[in-house]
């Protein structure tokens, strides 16, 4: 496959701390130059061990907060009063769009998850995004953007307003329509740094390399961000995407990925976040 030359693509591994084996995979892939970022679930049952591994490894990548409102349990007492267990994504989507979310408690939860990141890693996140893209939801995105605007070192925020294919068209459009496009407008209006386009959405099927080849072909000249879910431990796991994590990790570590990057003229590097419109 041939492609435009000199493009730089951010590649971010999500779900660090959510399930076992993700942090180990991130360390190996980052050492090989196959990742530029990793996003951390500080509510996850494996966060403590994952954070210790990240700290010891001193990875040359950005580390961000994967804000979680849809899986496991809250960290904050305020949100536990409403949701002892976090709601699934369908319930969260409904609540967001009928303006029925406990926004004050969600604000307390965001602060608690940021504090857990800083306590474990000794610094604020380099960027913020959301598990299952919850940071873009109505009500939630205002909480996130208001909070990060007060941080001394301004982070960038993952935009979900322009999700490039291939992958499931319906899934990409839902991500954009359920808050992504509004989030992008808010990021531009507030002058908050963000990626120009998002790649990596798919149904966790088996044909990962052809999808990656197409994502690489569609990556913009700069400001593109591809999210992925590599992991190294599927044995006895209840994780519904455990098999996909193994497939992704194997491909990202392989010579095939290196060849595909060269063929597409793409280099893995820090996301060139922009403070201007991501249209174009």
Protein backbone atom coordinates (compact mmCIF):
# COMPACT_ATOMS: atom_id res chain seq x y z
CA UNK A 1 0.00 0.00 0.00
CA UNK A 2 1.32 3.42 -0.85
CA UNK A 3 0.36 6.63 0.88
CA UNK A 4 1.27 10.22 1.67
CA UNK A 5 4.71 10.63 3.15
CA UNK A 6 5.71 12.21 6.43
CA UNK A 7 2.47 11.75 8.37
CA UNK A 8 2.63 11.41 12.17
CA UNK A 9 -0.09 9.44 13.94
CA UNK A 10 -0.68 9.23 17.67
CA UNK A 11 -1.38 5.68 18.82
CA UNK A 12 -3.00 5.39 22.26
CA UNK A 13 -3.63 2.19 24.21
CA UNK A 14 -6.78 2.45 26.33
CA UNK A 15 -7.90 0.66 29.51
CA UNK A 16 -4.66 0.59 31.54
CA UNK A 17 -5.71 -0.66 34.98
CA UNK A 18 -9.10 -1.93 33.90
CA UNK A 19 -8.06 -5.53 33.24
CA UNK A 20 -4.89 -7.48 33.93
CA UNK A 21 -2.26 -7.58 31.22
CA UNK A 22 -2.92 -4.19 29.61
CA UNK A 23 -0.13 -2.36 31.44
CA UNK A 24 2.35 -5.10 30.59
CA UNK A 25 1.40 -4.87 26.94
CA UNK A 26 1.70 -1.08 27.01
CA UNK A 27 5.21 -1.24 28.46
CA UNK A 28 6.38 -3.68 25.79
CA UNK A 29 4.78 -1.78 22.90
CA UNK A 30 6.01 1.61 24.12
CA UNK A 31 9.56 0.28 24.42
CA UNK A 32 9.31 -0.87 20.80
CA UNK A 33 8.10 2.55 19.62
CA UNK A 34 4.63 1.28 18.70
CA UNK A 35 2.66 3.57 21.04
CA UNK A 36 2.72 7.29 21.76
CA UNK A 37 0.21 7.34 24.62
CA UNK A 38 -1.73 5.23 27.10
CA UNK A 39 -4.98 6.04 28.88
CA UNK A 40 -5.54 4.94 32.47
CA UNK A 41 -8.66 3.76 34.32
CA UNK A 42 -8.01 4.77 37.91
CA UNK A 43 -11.20 3.05 39.08
CA UNK A 44 -9.99 -0.27 37.68
CA UNK A 45 -9.18 -3.23 39.93
CA UNK A 46 -5.67 -3.45 38.45
CA UNK A 47 -4.83 0.26 38.62
CA UNK A 48 -2.46 0.03 41.59
CA UNK A 49 -0.27 -2.62 40.00
CA UNK A 50 -0.49 -0.93 36.60
CA UNK A 51 0.56 2.44 38.00
CA UNK A 52 3.54 0.89 39.78
CA UNK A 53 4.65 -0.75 36.53
CA UNK A 54 4.24 2.48 34.55
CA UNK A 55 6.22 4.43 37.15
CA UNK A 56 9.04 1.90 37.23
CA UNK A 57 9.22 1.67 33.45
CA UNK A 58 9.57 5.44 32.85
CA UNK A 59 7.87 5.14 29.49
CA UNK A 60 8.60 7.76 26.78
CA UNK A 61 4.89 8.22 26.08
CA UNK A 62 2.06 10.44 27.26
CA UNK A 63 -0.20 9.12 30.01
CA UNK A 64 -3.80 10.25 30.33
CA UNK A 65 -6.98 9.71 32.31
CA UNK A 66 -9.58 7.37 30.80
CA UNK A 67 -12.55 8.87 32.69
CA UNK A 68 -14.86 6.02 33.65
CA UNK A 69 -18.59 6.29 34.35
CA UNK A 70 -19.81 3.02 32.87
CA UNK A 71 -17.95 0.06 34.39
CA UNK A 72 -17.12 -1.01 37.96
CA UNK A 73 -17.67 1.22 40.98
CA UNK A 74 -17.16 4.96 41.60
CA UNK A 75 -14.27 6.30 43.65
CA UNK A 76 -16.15 9.22 45.18
CA UNK A 77 -18.65 9.00 48.01
CA UNK A 78 -20.79 11.57 46.20
CA UNK A 79 -21.34 9.39 43.15
CA UNK A 80 -21.65 6.18 45.19
CA UNK A 81 -24.74 7.72 46.80
CA UNK A 82 -26.36 7.72 43.37
CA UNK A 83 -24.66 4.72 41.77
CA UNK A 84 -23.03 2.14 44.07
CA UNK A 85 -22.13 0.44 40.80
CA UNK A 86 -21.58 2.51 37.68
CA UNK A 87 -24.37 2.19 35.12
CA UNK A 88 -23.84 0.48 31.81
CA UNK A 89 -23.32 2.61 28.72
CA UNK A 90 -26.93 2.35 27.51
CA UNK A 91 -28.30 3.72 30.78
CA UNK A 92 -25.67 6.43 30.85
CA UNK A 93 -26.47 7.51 27.28
CA UNK A 94 -30.16 7.72 28.08
CA UNK A 95 -29.60 9.70 31.26
CA UNK A 96 -27.28 12.13 29.49
CA UNK A 97 -29.69 12.85 26.67
CA UNK A 98 -32.71 13.37 28.93
CA UNK A 99 -30.62 15.57 31.24
CA UNK A 100 -31.07 13.21 34.18
CA UNK A 101 -27.47 12.63 35.24
CA UNK A 102 -26.27 13.58 38.77
CA UNK A 103 -23.86 16.18 37.43
CA UNK A 104 -22.56 17.53 40.74
CA UNK A 105 -21.67 14.00 41.84
CA UNK A 106 -20.08 13.30 38.44
CA UNK A 107 -17.93 16.39 38.96
CA UNK A 108 -16.79 15.00 42.31
CA UNK A 109 -16.05 11.67 40.61
CA UNK A 110 -13.95 13.30 37.91
CA UNK A 111 -11.90 15.06 40.58
CA UNK A 112 -11.48 11.78 42.48
CA UNK A 113 -10.27 9.93 39.41
CA UNK A 114 -7.81 12.72 38.57
CA UNK A 115 -6.56 12.68 42.16
CA UNK A 116 -6.06 8.91 42.00
CA UNK A 117 -3.98 9.34 38.83
CA UNK A 118 -1.83 12.05 40.45
CA UNK A 119 -1.41 10.08 43.69
CA UNK A 120 -0.16 7.03 41.81
CA UNK A 121 2.01 8.71 39.17
CA UNK A 122 3.03 11.94 40.88
CA UNK A 123 1.65 14.29 38.25
CA UNK A 124 -1.50 15.34 36.45
CA UNK A 125 -2.60 13.54 33.28
CA UNK A 126 -1.14 14.69 29.97
CA UNK A 127 -4.57 14.32 28.38
CA UNK A 128 -8.13 13.30 29.18
CA UNK A 129 -10.54 11.03 27.35
CA UNK A 130 -13.36 8.71 28.38
CA UNK A 131 -13.98 5.00 28.74
CA UNK A 132 -16.56 4.28 26.03
CA UNK A 133 -16.23 7.99 25.12
CA UNK A 134 -18.30 9.13 28.11
CA UNK A 135 -16.37 12.42 28.36
CA UNK A 136 -18.27 13.66 25.29
CA UNK A 137 -21.78 13.13 26.68
CA UNK A 138 -24.12 16.07 27.34
CA UNK A 139 -23.47 17.45 30.80
CA UNK A 140 -20.34 15.36 31.29
CA UNK A 141 -18.27 17.21 28.72
CA UNK A 142 -18.88 20.54 30.43
CA UNK A 143 -17.66 19.10 33.73
CA UNK A 144 -14.50 17.76 32.10
CA UNK A 145 -13.72 20.91 30.11
CA UNK A 146 -14.41 23.26 33.03
CA UNK A 147 -12.07 21.20 35.21
CA UNK A 148 -9.14 20.87 32.80
CA UNK A 149 -9.27 24.60 32.05
CA UNK A 150 -8.14 25.23 35.64
CA UNK A 151 -5.11 22.93 35.55
CA UNK A 152 -1.71 24.72 35.62
CA UNK A 153 -0.41 22.60 32.74
CA UNK A 154 -3.18 22.46 30.16
CA UNK A 155 -3.84 18.91 28.94
CA UNK A 156 -5.23 18.01 25.57
CA UNK A 157 -8.61 16.30 25.32
CA UNK A 158 -9.54 13.49 22.96
CA UNK A 159 -12.02 14.74 20.38
CA UNK A 160 -14.60 12.25 19.12
CA UNK A 161 -16.18 14.66 16.66
CA UNK A 162 -14.61 13.25 13.52
CA UNK A 163 -14.25 9.46 13.56
CA UNK A 164 -12.68 8.11 10.39
CA UNK A 165 -13.36 4.65 8.95
CA UNK A 166 -13.18 1.81 8.18
CA UNK A 167 -14.91 -0.13 10.91
CA UNK A 168 -18.59 -0.19 11.73
CA UNK A 169 -20.21 2.88 10.20
CA UNK A 170 -23.03 2.82 12.76
CA UNK A 171 -20.58 2.80 15.67
CA UNK A 172 -18.59 5.68 14.25
CA UNK A 173 -21.70 7.77 13.68
CA UNK A 174 -23.04 7.04 17.18
CA UNK A 175 -19.74 8.19 18.71
CA UNK A 176 -19.93 11.44 16.76
CA UNK A 177 -23.66 12.06 17.31
CA UNK A 178 -23.85 11.14 21.01
CA UNK A 179 -21.69 14.09 21.94
CA UNK A 180 -18.58 13.98 19.78
CA UNK A 181 -19.46 16.81 17.42
CA UNK A 182 -20.63 19.02 20.29
CA UNK A 183 -17.43 18.23 22.20
CA UNK A 184 -15.35 19.25 19.22
CA UNK A 185 -17.20 22.57 18.94
CA UNK A 186 -16.64 23.21 22.64
CA UNK A 187 -12.94 22.36 22.39
CA UNK A 188 -12.51 24.81 19.53
CA UNK A 189 -14.53 27.53 21.27
CA UNK A 190 -12.54 27.17 24.50
CA UNK A 191 -9.15 26.88 22.78
CA UNK A 192 -8.43 23.48 24.33
CA UNK A 193 -5.93 21.34 22.47
CA UNK A 194 -7.34 18.21 20.81
CA UNK A 195 -6.76 15.73 18.02
CA UNK A 196 -7.98 16.56 14.51
CA UNK A 197 -9.43 13.10 13.81
CA UNK A 198 -9.99 9.82 15.64
CA UNK A 199 -9.37 6.36 14.22
CA UNK A 200 -9.62 2.84 15.62
CA UNK A 201 -13.36 2.25 16.16
CA UNK A 202 -14.46 -1.25 15.13
CA UNK A 203 -16.53 -4.20 16.37
CA UNK A 204 -13.55 -6.13 17.85
CA UNK A 205 -13.66 -8.72 15.08
CA UNK A 206 -10.75 -10.82 13.88
CA UNK A 207 -9.47 -8.90 10.83
CA UNK A 208 -7.40 -6.27 12.59
CA UNK A 209 -4.56 -5.85 10.09
CA UNK A 210 -6.76 -4.89 7.11
CA UNK A 211 -8.55 -2.38 9.32
CA UNK A 212 -5.25 -0.90 10.44
CA UNK A 213 -4.04 -0.62 6.85
CA UNK A 214 -7.18 1.34 6.00
CA UNK A 215 -6.89 3.55 9.10
CA UNK A 216 -3.30 4.34 8.20
CA UNK A 217 -4.38 5.27 4.68
CA UNK A 218 -7.03 7.67 6.06
CA UNK A 219 -4.89 9.27 8.75
CA UNK A 220 -4.59 13.06 8.30
CA UNK A 221 -1.25 14.74 7.74
CA UNK A 222 -1.05 15.57 11.43
CA UNK A 223 -3.27 15.56 14.50
CA UNK A 224 -4.60 12.06 13.94
CA UNK A 225 -5.14 9.79 16.94
CA UNK A 226 -5.72 6.04 16.76
CA UNK A 227 -7.03 4.32 19.88
CA UNK A 228 -6.46 0.63 20.52
CA UNK A 229 -6.95 -1.97 23.26
CA UNK A 230 -3.92 -4.27 23.46
CA UNK A 231 -3.55 -6.71 26.33
CA UNK A 232 -1.44 -9.73 27.18
CA UNK A 233 -3.64 -11.85 29.44
CA UNK A 234 -6.89 -13.48 28.27
CA UNK A 235 -6.66 -16.66 30.35
CA UNK A 236 -9.84 -17.12 32.37
CA UNK A 237 -10.80 -13.50 31.84
CA UNK A 238 -14.38 -12.27 31.94
CA UNK A 239 -13.32 -9.31 29.81
CA UNK A 240 -15.63 -9.36 26.75
CA UNK A 241 -12.88 -8.16 24.41
CA UNK A 242 -10.07 -10.31 25.83
CA UNK A 243 -9.47 -12.13 22.54
CA UNK A 244 -9.38 -8.85 20.62
CA UNK A 245 -6.82 -7.47 23.09
CA UNK A 246 -4.50 -10.38 22.33
CA UNK A 247 -4.92 -9.97 18.58
CA UNK A 248 -4.24 -6.24 18.75
CA UNK A 249 -1.18 -6.68 20.95
CA UNK A 250 0.28 -9.34 18.67
CA UNK A 251 -0.22 -7.25 15.55
CA UNK A 252 1.07 -4.00 17.07
CA UNK A 253 4.25 -5.80 18.18
CA UNK A 254 4.74 -7.52 14.84
CA UNK A 255 6.89 -6.83 11.83
CA UNK A 256 3.64 -6.54 9.87
CA UNK A 257 2.71 -3.34 11.70
CA UNK A 258 6.14 -1.90 11.00
CA UNK A 259 5.80 -2.77 7.32
CA UNK A 260 2.30 -1.28 7.19
CA UNK A 261 3.53 1.95 8.74
CA UNK A 262 6.31 2.23 6.16
CA UNK A 263 3.98 1.40 3.29
CA UNK A 264 1.52 4.10 4.40
CA UNK A 265 4.24 6.68 5.05
CA UNK A 266 3.17 7.02 8.67
CA UNK A 267 5.28 7.39 11.81
CA UNK A 268 4.01 6.74 15.33
CA UNK A 269 4.54 9.90 17.34
CA UNK A 270 2.99 12.29 19.81
CA UNK A 271 -0.42 13.50 18.75
CA UNK A 272 -0.12 16.94 17.24
CA UNK A 273 -2.99 18.42 19.18
CA UNK A 274 -4.49 21.60 17.79
CA UNK A 275 -6.39 24.47 19.38
CA UNK A 276 -8.09 25.39 16.12
CA UNK A 277 -10.90 23.72 14.19
CA UNK A 278 -10.27 20.09 13.29
CA UNK A 279 -12.20 20.37 10.05
CA UNK A 280 -10.30 19.67 6.91
